Amino acid sequence: MIREKNPNQLKFEAFKTPFEAQMNKNNRWVKLAEMIPWEELIIVYSKRMSDFGRPALSPRIAIGALIIKTTLGLSD
């Protein structure tokens, strides 16, 4: 089961840490996130999910984690 898109999704510029620091616009992950066609990936991802069971993580979290894992050559 996929949760609907969160209309309150923060842009990286609006994200702040507990210490009030902002994300650096030149950070490689911030730049990559701006280039990814999230809506297209979410549609493909969502088609593979069931309507039954526990709600899944946000597609953006799942896809982002997979991208980071692959980019850094990490294992499961």
N, C-alpha and C. Protein backbone atom coordinates (compact mmCIF):
# COMPACT_ATOMS: atom_id res chain seq x y z
N MET A 1 0.85 -1.16 0.00
CA MET A 1 0.00 0.00 0.00
C MET A 1 0.90 1.24 0.00
N ILE A 2 0.62 2.16 -0.88
CA ILE A 2 1.41 3.38 -1.01
C ILE A 2 0.65 4.54 -0.39
N ARG A 3 1.33 5.32 0.38
CA ARG A 3 0.72 6.52 0.94
C ARG A 3 0.69 7.59 -0.14
N GLU A 4 -0.29 8.43 -0.07
CA GLU A 4 -0.38 9.54 -1.03
C GLU A 4 0.79 10.49 -0.84
N LYS A 5 1.09 11.22 -1.88
CA LYS A 5 2.19 12.19 -1.82
C LYS A 5 1.92 13.22 -0.72
N ASN A 6 2.93 13.52 0.03
CA ASN A 6 2.81 14.50 1.09
C ASN A 6 2.91 15.90 0.50
N PRO A 7 1.82 16.69 0.56
CA PRO A 7 1.88 18.04 -0.01
C PRO A 7 2.80 18.97 0.79
N ASN A 8 3.20 18.53 1.96
CA ASN A 8 4.07 19.35 2.81
C ASN A 8 5.54 18.99 2.67
N GLN A 9 5.91 18.24 1.61
CA GLN A 9 7.30 17.84 1.38
C GLN A 9 8.18 19.09 1.35
N LEU A 10 9.16 19.12 2.22
CA LEU A 10 10.06 20.28 2.28
C LEU A 10 11.02 20.29 1.11
N LYS A 11 11.29 21.47 0.61
CA LYS A 11 12.37 21.65 -0.35
C LYS A 11 13.65 21.66 0.47
N PHE A 12 14.76 21.31 -0.15
CA PHE A 12 16.01 21.26 0.60
C PHE A 12 16.36 22.60 1.22
N GLU A 13 15.99 23.68 0.54
CA GLU A 13 16.32 25.01 1.07
C GLU A 13 15.58 25.27 2.39
N ALA A 14 14.41 24.64 2.56
CA ALA A 14 13.60 24.88 3.76
C ALA A 14 13.97 23.94 4.91
N PHE A 15 14.71 22.88 4.62
CA PHE A 15 15.07 21.91 5.65
C PHE A 15 16.13 22.50 6.57
N LYS A 16 15.88 22.38 7.87
CA LYS A 16 16.85 22.88 8.85
C LYS A 16 17.14 21.78 9.85
N THR A 17 18.35 21.73 10.31
CA THR A 17 18.74 20.78 11.34
C THR A 17 18.30 21.33 12.69
N PRO A 18 18.39 20.52 13.73
CA PRO A 18 18.04 21.03 15.07
C PRO A 18 18.89 22.23 15.49
N PHE A 19 20.02 22.42 14.83
CA PHE A 19 20.91 23.53 15.17
C PHE A 19 20.71 24.71 14.24
N GLU A 20 19.61 24.68 13.49
CA GLU A 20 19.24 25.75 12.56
C GLU A 20 20.18 25.89 11.36
N ALA A 21 20.97 24.88 11.08
CA ALA A 21 21.82 24.93 9.89
C ALA A 21 20.98 24.53 8.68
N GLN A 22 21.24 25.11 7.53
CA GLN A 22 20.51 24.79 6.32
C GLN A 22 21.35 23.86 5.44
N MET A 23 20.65 23.11 4.59
CA MET A 23 21.34 22.24 3.65
C MET A 23 22.11 23.11 2.66
N ASN A 24 23.32 22.68 2.31
CA ASN A 24 24.15 23.39 1.35
C ASN A 24 23.66 23.08 -0.06
N LYS A 25 23.33 24.11 -0.83
CA LYS A 25 22.84 23.92 -2.20
C LYS A 25 23.86 23.24 -3.09
N ASN A 26 25.13 23.28 -2.71
CA ASN A 26 26.18 22.66 -3.51
C ASN A 26 26.47 21.22 -3.10
N ASN A 27 25.76 20.72 -2.10
CA ASN A 27 25.92 19.33 -1.68
C ASN A 27 25.55 18.40 -2.83
N ARG A 28 26.32 17.35 -3.06
CA ARG A 28 26.08 16.46 -4.20
C ARG A 28 24.72 15.79 -4.15
N TRP A 29 24.22 15.50 -2.95
CA TRP A 29 22.92 14.84 -2.83
C TRP A 29 21.79 15.82 -3.11
N VAL A 30 21.97 17.06 -2.71
CA VAL A 30 20.96 18.09 -2.99
C VAL A 30 20.88 18.31 -4.50
N LYS A 31 22.02 18.41 -5.15
CA LYS A 31 22.04 18.60 -6.61
C LYS A 31 21.40 17.41 -7.32
N LEU A 32 21.72 16.20 -6.87
CA LEU A 32 21.17 15.00 -7.49
C LEU A 32 19.65 14.96 -7.32
N ALA A 33 19.16 15.29 -6.13
CA ALA A 33 17.72 15.28 -5.86
C ALA A 33 16.97 16.23 -6.77
N GLU A 34 17.59 17.33 -7.13
CA GLU A 34 16.95 18.30 -8.02
C GLU A 34 16.88 17.79 -9.46
N MET A 35 17.76 16.87 -9.84
CA MET A 35 17.80 16.36 -11.22
C MET A 35 16.92 15.13 -11.43
N ILE A 36 16.51 14.48 -10.37
CA ILE A 36 15.76 13.23 -10.48
C ILE A 36 14.30 13.50 -10.81
N PRO A 37 13.74 12.79 -11.81
CA PRO A 37 12.32 12.95 -12.14
C PRO A 37 11.45 12.15 -11.16
N TRP A 38 11.28 12.68 -9.96
CA TRP A 38 10.62 11.95 -8.88
C TRP A 38 9.24 11.45 -9.24
N GLU A 39 8.43 12.29 -9.87
CA GLU A 39 7.05 11.90 -10.18
C GLU A 39 7.00 10.67 -11.08
N GLU A 40 7.86 10.63 -12.09
CA GLU A 40 7.90 9.47 -13.01
C GLU A 40 8.34 8.21 -12.26
N LEU A 41 9.35 8.31 -11.43
CA LEU A 41 9.82 7.16 -10.66
C LEU A 41 8.77 6.66 -9.68
N ILE A 42 8.07 7.58 -9.06
CA ILE A 42 7.03 7.21 -8.09
C ILE A 42 5.90 6.45 -8.77
N ILE A 43 5.54 6.84 -9.98
CA ILE A 43 4.48 6.14 -10.73
C ILE A 43 4.90 4.70 -11.00
N VAL A 44 6.12 4.50 -11.49
CA VAL A 44 6.62 3.16 -11.78
C VAL A 44 6.70 2.34 -10.50
N TYR A 45 7.24 2.93 -9.44
CA TYR A 45 7.39 2.24 -8.15
C TYR A 45 6.02 1.84 -7.60
N SER A 46 5.07 2.74 -7.68
CA SER A 46 3.74 2.51 -7.10
C SER A 46 2.99 1.39 -7.80
N LYS A 47 3.22 1.20 -9.09
CA LYS A 47 2.55 0.14 -9.84
C LYS A 47 2.95 -1.25 -9.34
N ARG A 48 4.10 -1.35 -8.74
CA ARG A 48 4.61 -2.64 -8.25
C ARG A 48 4.13 -2.97 -6.84
N MET A 49 3.50 -2.02 -6.19
CA MET A 49 3.09 -2.21 -4.80
C MET A 49 1.66 -2.71 -4.72
N SER A 50 1.37 -3.44 -3.66
CA SER A 50 0.04 -4.00 -3.41
C SER A 50 -0.82 -2.99 -2.66
N ASP A 51 -2.13 -3.18 -2.74
CA ASP A 51 -3.04 -2.33 -1.98
C ASP A 51 -3.32 -2.91 -0.60
N PHE A 52 -2.69 -4.04 -0.29
CA PHE A 52 -2.93 -4.72 0.97
C PHE A 52 -1.71 -4.61 1.88
N GLY A 53 -1.95 -4.82 3.16
CA GLY A 53 -0.83 -4.86 4.09
C GLY A 53 -0.50 -3.51 4.69
N ARG A 54 0.61 -3.52 5.37
CA ARG A 54 1.09 -2.32 6.05
C ARG A 54 1.49 -1.26 5.02
N PRO A 55 1.17 0.01 5.29
CA PRO A 55 1.57 1.06 4.36
C PRO A 55 3.09 1.08 4.18
N ALA A 56 3.51 1.25 2.95
CA ALA A 56 4.94 1.28 2.63
C ALA A 56 5.55 2.62 3.01
N LEU A 57 6.87 2.64 3.01
CA LEU A 57 7.56 3.92 3.17
C LEU A 57 7.20 4.82 2.00
N SER A 58 7.46 6.08 2.16
CA SER A 58 7.27 7.01 1.06
C SER A 58 8.12 6.53 -0.12
N PRO A 59 7.55 6.53 -1.33
CA PRO A 59 8.35 6.11 -2.49
C PRO A 59 9.64 6.92 -2.64
N ARG A 60 9.59 8.17 -2.30
CA ARG A 60 10.79 9.00 -2.42
C ARG A 60 11.89 8.52 -1.47
N ILE A 61 11.52 8.09 -0.27
CA ILE A 61 12.50 7.56 0.68
C ILE A 61 13.09 6.26 0.15
N ALA A 62 12.22 5.36 -0.33
CA ALA A 62 12.69 4.06 -0.83
C ALA A 62 13.59 4.23 -2.05
N ILE A 63 13.18 5.05 -2.99
CA ILE A 63 13.97 5.27 -4.21
C ILE A 63 15.27 5.98 -3.87
N GLY A 64 15.20 6.99 -3.02
CA GLY A 64 16.41 7.72 -2.61
C GLY A 64 17.42 6.82 -1.92
N ALA A 65 16.92 5.94 -1.04
CA ALA A 65 17.82 5.02 -0.34
C ALA A 65 18.50 4.07 -1.33
N LEU A 66 17.75 3.60 -2.32
CA LEU A 66 18.33 2.71 -3.33
C LEU A 66 19.39 3.44 -4.16
N ILE A 67 19.12 4.68 -4.51
CA ILE A 67 20.09 5.48 -5.27
C ILE A 67 21.37 5.67 -4.47
N ILE A 68 21.23 6.01 -3.19
CA ILE A 68 22.41 6.22 -2.34
C ILE A 68 23.18 4.92 -2.17
N LYS A 69 22.47 3.82 -1.92
CA LYS A 69 23.12 2.52 -1.75
C LYS A 69 23.92 2.14 -3.00
N THR A 70 23.31 2.33 -4.16
CA THR A 70 23.98 1.98 -5.42
C THR A 70 25.16 2.91 -5.70
N THR A 71 24.96 4.20 -5.50
CA THR A 71 26.02 5.17 -5.77
C THR A 71 27.25 4.94 -4.89
N LEU A 72 27.02 4.60 -3.63
CA LEU A 72 28.14 4.38 -2.71
C LEU A 72 28.65 2.95 -2.72
N GLY A 73 28.00 2.07 -3.49
CA GLY A 73 28.44 0.68 -3.56
C GLY A 73 28.24 -0.07 -2.26
N LEU A 74 27.16 0.26 -1.55
CA LEU A 74 26.88 -0.40 -0.28
C LEU A 74 26.08 -1.68 -0.49
N SER A 75 26.13 -2.56 0.50
CA SER A 75 25.33 -3.79 0.44
C SER A 75 24.08 -3.59 1.27
N ASP A 76 23.20 -4.58 1.20
CA ASP A 76 21.98 -4.52 2.00
C ASP A 76 22.34 -4.63 3.44
